[in-house]
C-alpha atoms as a PDB file:
ATOM      1  CA  MET A   1     -61.495 -24.327 -23.731  1.00  0.00           C
ATOM      2  CA  GLN A   2     -58.557 -22.438 -25.206  1.00  0.00           C
ATOM      3  CA  ASN A   3     -56.071 -24.917 -23.748  1.00  0.00           C
ATOM      4  CA  TRP A   4     -57.635 -27.751 -25.737  1.00  0.00           C
ATOM      5  CA  GLY A   5     -56.630 -26.016 -28.967  1.00  0.00           C
ATOM      6  CA  LEU A   6     -52.961 -26.385 -28.070  1.00  0.00           C
ATOM      7  CA  VAL A   7     -53.468 -30.059 -27.205  1.00  0.00           C
ATOM      8  CA  VAL A   8     -55.202 -30.634 -30.551  1.00  0.00           C
ATOM      9  CA  VAL A   9     -52.360 -28.930 -32.454  1.00  0.00           C
ATOM     10  CA  VAL A  10     -49.672 -30.973 -30.653  1.00  0.00           C
ATOM     11  CA  LEU A  11     -51.555 -34.220 -31.279  1.00  0.00           C
ATOM     12  CA  GLY A  12     -52.059 -33.250 -34.928  1.00  0.00           C
ATOM     13  CA  VAL A  13     -48.327 -32.667 -35.387  1.00  0.00           C
ATOM     14  CA  LEU A  14     -47.537 -36.010 -33.757  1.00  0.00           C
ATOM     15  CA  VAL A  15     -50.028 -37.856 -35.965  1.00  0.00           C
ATOM     16  CA  ALA A  16     -48.712 -36.104 -39.089  1.00  0.00           C
ATOM     17  CA  ASN A  17     -45.136 -37.144 -38.246  1.00  0.00           C
ATOM     18  CA  LEU A  18     -46.000 -40.717 -37.296  1.00  0.00           C
ATOM     19  CA  PRO A  19     -45.373 -42.255 -40.768  1.00  0.00           C
ATOM     20  CA  ALA A  20     -41.947 -40.602 -41.008  1.00  0.00           C
ATOM     21  CA  MET A  21     -41.090 -41.740 -37.494  1.00  0.00           C
ATOM     22  CA  MET A  22     -42.083 -45.312 -38.293  1.00  0.00           C
ATOM     23  CA  ALA A  23     -39.962 -45.250 -41.457  1.00  0.00           C
ATOM     24  CA  GLN A  24     -36.997 -43.899 -39.490  1.00  0.00           C
ATOM     25  CA  TRP A  25     -37.486 -46.640 -36.876  1.00  0.00           C
ATOM     26  CA  ARG A  26     -37.297 -49.308 -39.598  1.00  0.00           C
ATOM     27  CA  GLU A  27     -34.389 -47.794 -41.551  1.00  0.00           C
ATOM     28  CA  ASP A  28     -32.159 -46.280 -38.842  1.00  0.00           C
ATOM     29  CA  ARG A  29     -32.982 -47.594 -35.400  1.00  0.00           C
ATOM     30  CA  PRO A  30     -29.818 -46.294 -33.631  1.00  0.00           C
ATOM     31  CA  GLY A  31     -30.394 -42.830 -35.131  1.00  0.00           C
ATOM     32  CA  PHE A  32     -34.013 -42.895 -33.989  1.00  0.00           C
ATOM     33  CA  ILE A  33     -33.009 -43.819 -30.430  1.00  0.00           C
ATOM     34  CA  LYS A  34     -30.335 -41.094 -30.418  1.00  0.00           C
ATOM     35  CA  THR A  35     -32.939 -38.595 -31.600  1.00  0.00           C
ATOM     36  CA  LEU A  36     -35.286 -39.582 -28.754  1.00  0.00           C
ATOM     37  CA  TRP A  37     -32.505 -39.185 -26.180  1.00  0.00           C
ATOM     38  CA  LEU A  38     -31.549 -35.785 -27.540  1.00  0.00           C
ATOM     39  CA  ALA A  39     -35.203 -34.685 -27.548  1.00  0.00           C
ATOM     40  CA  ALA A  40     -35.465 -35.698 -23.877  1.00  0.00           C
ATOM     41  CA  ILE A  41     -32.277 -33.766 -23.077  1.00  0.00           C
ATOM     42  CA  TYR A  42     -33.674 -30.739 -24.944  1.00  0.00           C
ATOM     43  CA  ALA A  43     -36.899 -30.978 -22.901  1.00  0.00           C
ATOM     44  CA  LEU A  44     -34.763 -30.982 -19.749  1.00  0.00           C
ATOM     45  CA  SER A  45     -32.889 -27.956 -21.081  1.00  0.00           C
ATOM     46  CA  VAL A  46     -36.186 -26.138 -21.664  1.00  0.00           C
ATOM     47  CA  GLY A  47     -37.175 -26.926 -18.077  1.00  0.00           C
ATOM     48  CA  LEU A  48     -33.871 -25.545 -16.821  1.00  0.00           C
ATOM     49  CA  GLY A  49     -34.410 -22.445 -18.956  1.00  0.00           C
ATOM     50  CA  ILE A  50     -37.809 -21.874 -17.368  1.00  0.00           C
ATOM     51  CA  GLU A  51     -36.220 -22.306 -13.948  1.00  0.00           C
ATOM     52  CA  LEU A  52     -33.523 -19.787 -14.923  1.00  0.00           C
ATOM     53  CA  LEU A  53     -36.226 -17.349 -16.007  1.00  0.00           C
ATOM     54  CA  LEU A  54     -38.014 -17.716 -12.680  1.00  0.00           C
ATOM     55  CA  LEU A  55     -34.775 -17.219 -10.751  1.00  0.00           C
ATOM     56  CA  LEU A  56     -33.847 -14.090 -12.722  1.00  0.00           C
ATOM     57  CA  ALA A  57     -37.335 -12.566 -12.632  1.00  0.00           C
ATOM     58  CA  PRO A  58     -37.550  -9.293 -10.701  1.00  0.00           C
ATOM     59  CA  ARG A  59     -38.565  -9.642  -7.084  1.00  0.00           C
ATOM     60  CA  GLN A  60     -39.339  -5.971  -6.418  1.00  0.00           C
ATOM     61  CA  PRO A  61     -42.291  -4.227  -8.133  1.00  0.00           C
ATOM     62  CA  GLY A  62     -40.138  -1.392  -9.524  1.00  0.00           C
ATOM     63  CA  GLU A  63     -37.488  -3.533 -11.246  1.00  0.00           C
ATOM     64  CA  THR A  64     -37.637  -3.798 -15.032  1.00  0.00           C
ATOM     65  CA  LYS A  65     -35.632  -6.596 -16.568  1.00  0.00           C
ATOM     66  CA  ALA A  66     -38.084  -7.658 -19.269  1.00  0.00           C
ATOM     67  CA  LEU A  67     -35.886  -6.831 -22.262  1.00  0.00           C
ATOM     68  CA  TRP A  68     -32.834  -8.483 -20.720  1.00  0.00           C
ATOM     69  CA  LEU A  69     -34.796 -11.604 -19.710  1.00  0.00           C
ATOM     70  CA  THR A  70     -36.336 -11.840 -23.181  1.00  0.00           C
ATOM     71  CA  GLY A  71     -32.871 -11.772 -24.734  1.00  0.00           C
ATOM     72  CA  VAL A  72     -31.625 -14.454 -22.343  1.00  0.00           C
ATOM     73  CA  MET A  73     -34.570 -16.751 -23.086  1.00  0.00           C
ATOM     74  CA  VAL A  74     -34.415 -16.297 -26.877  1.00  0.00           C
ATOM     75  CA  SER A  75     -30.663 -16.991 -26.776  1.00  0.00           C
ATOM     76  CA  TRP A  76     -31.264 -20.090 -24.631  1.00  0.00           C
ATOM     77  CA  ILE A  77     -33.862 -21.462 -27.059  1.00  0.00           C
ATOM     78  CA  LEU A  78     -31.771 -20.703 -30.162  1.00  0.00           C
ATOM     79  CA  TYR A  79     -28.652 -22.258 -28.607  1.00  0.00           C
ATOM     80  CA  GLY A  80     -30.630 -25.409 -27.790  1.00  0.00           C
ATOM     81  CA  GLY A  81     -31.925 -25.573 -31.368  1.00  0.00           C
ATOM     82  CA  LEU A  82     -28.415 -25.098 -32.746  1.00  0.00           C
ATOM     83  CA  THR A  83     -27.113 -27.886 -30.517  1.00  0.00           C
ATOM     84  CA  LEU A  84     -29.903 -30.189 -31.699  1.00  0.00           C
ATOM     85  CA  MET A  85     -29.154 -29.341 -35.330  1.00  0.00           C
ATOM     86  CA  ARG A  86     -25.513 -30.292 -34.836  1.00  0.00           C
ATOM     87  CA  LEU A  87     -26.082 -33.540 -32.914  1.00  0.00           C
ATOM     88  CA  VAL A  88     -29.280 -35.127 -34.267  1.00  0.00           C
ATOM     89  CA  PRO A  89     -28.719 -37.545 -37.182  1.00  0.00           C
ATOM     90  CA  ARG A  90     -29.415 -35.872 -40.541  1.00  0.00           C
ATOM     91  CA  TYR A  91     -31.198 -37.388 -43.480  1.00  0.00           C
ATOM     92  CA  ARG A  92     -30.849 -34.238 -45.609  1.00  0.00           C
ATOM     93  CA  GLU A  93     -28.687 -31.172 -45.365  1.00  0.00           C
ATOM     94  CA  PRO A  94     -29.999 -28.034 -43.637  1.00  0.00           C
ATOM     95  CA  PRO A  95     -30.262 -24.799 -45.626  1.00  0.00           C
ATOM     96  CA  ALA A  96     -26.993 -23.088 -46.485  1.00  0.00           C
ATOM     97  CA  TRP A  97     -27.770 -20.035 -44.342  1.00  0.00           C
ATOM     98  CA  LEU A  98     -27.924 -22.256 -41.222  1.00  0.00           C
ATOM     99  CA  ARG A  99     -24.588 -23.977 -41.772  1.00  0.00           C
ATOM    100  CA  ALA A 100     -21.506 -22.519 -40.122  1.00  0.00           C
ATOM    101  CA  SER A 101     -19.211 -23.014 -43.110  1.00  0.00           C
ATOM    102  CA  SER A 102     -19.348 -20.483 -45.929  1.00  0.00           C
ATOM    103  CA  SER A 103     -19.816 -21.734 -49.459  1.00  0.00           C
ATOM    104  CA  THR A 104     -17.060 -20.312 -51.679  1.00  0.00           C
END
């Protein structure tokens, strides 16, 4: 029963974003299609990250790599998010603390 809660949350987020997605489809169709492609590539990247985690997981009972593996996975996720932020079409600027350039 606990797994249904996650499904309900994901469906709720999709339904909440549906009007914005429809507006983007009408106003910027090439940007919308690019966003879908990049989301699919990000999903593939997440799958590769999970595969990397499984390959790097300790095989012997005494090995402890948890901290190192956690760092690798957090870095993988953050790098994927940064790549998406740079490539996905923007309709408003991200916060100043996320941008690479300093405001002087």
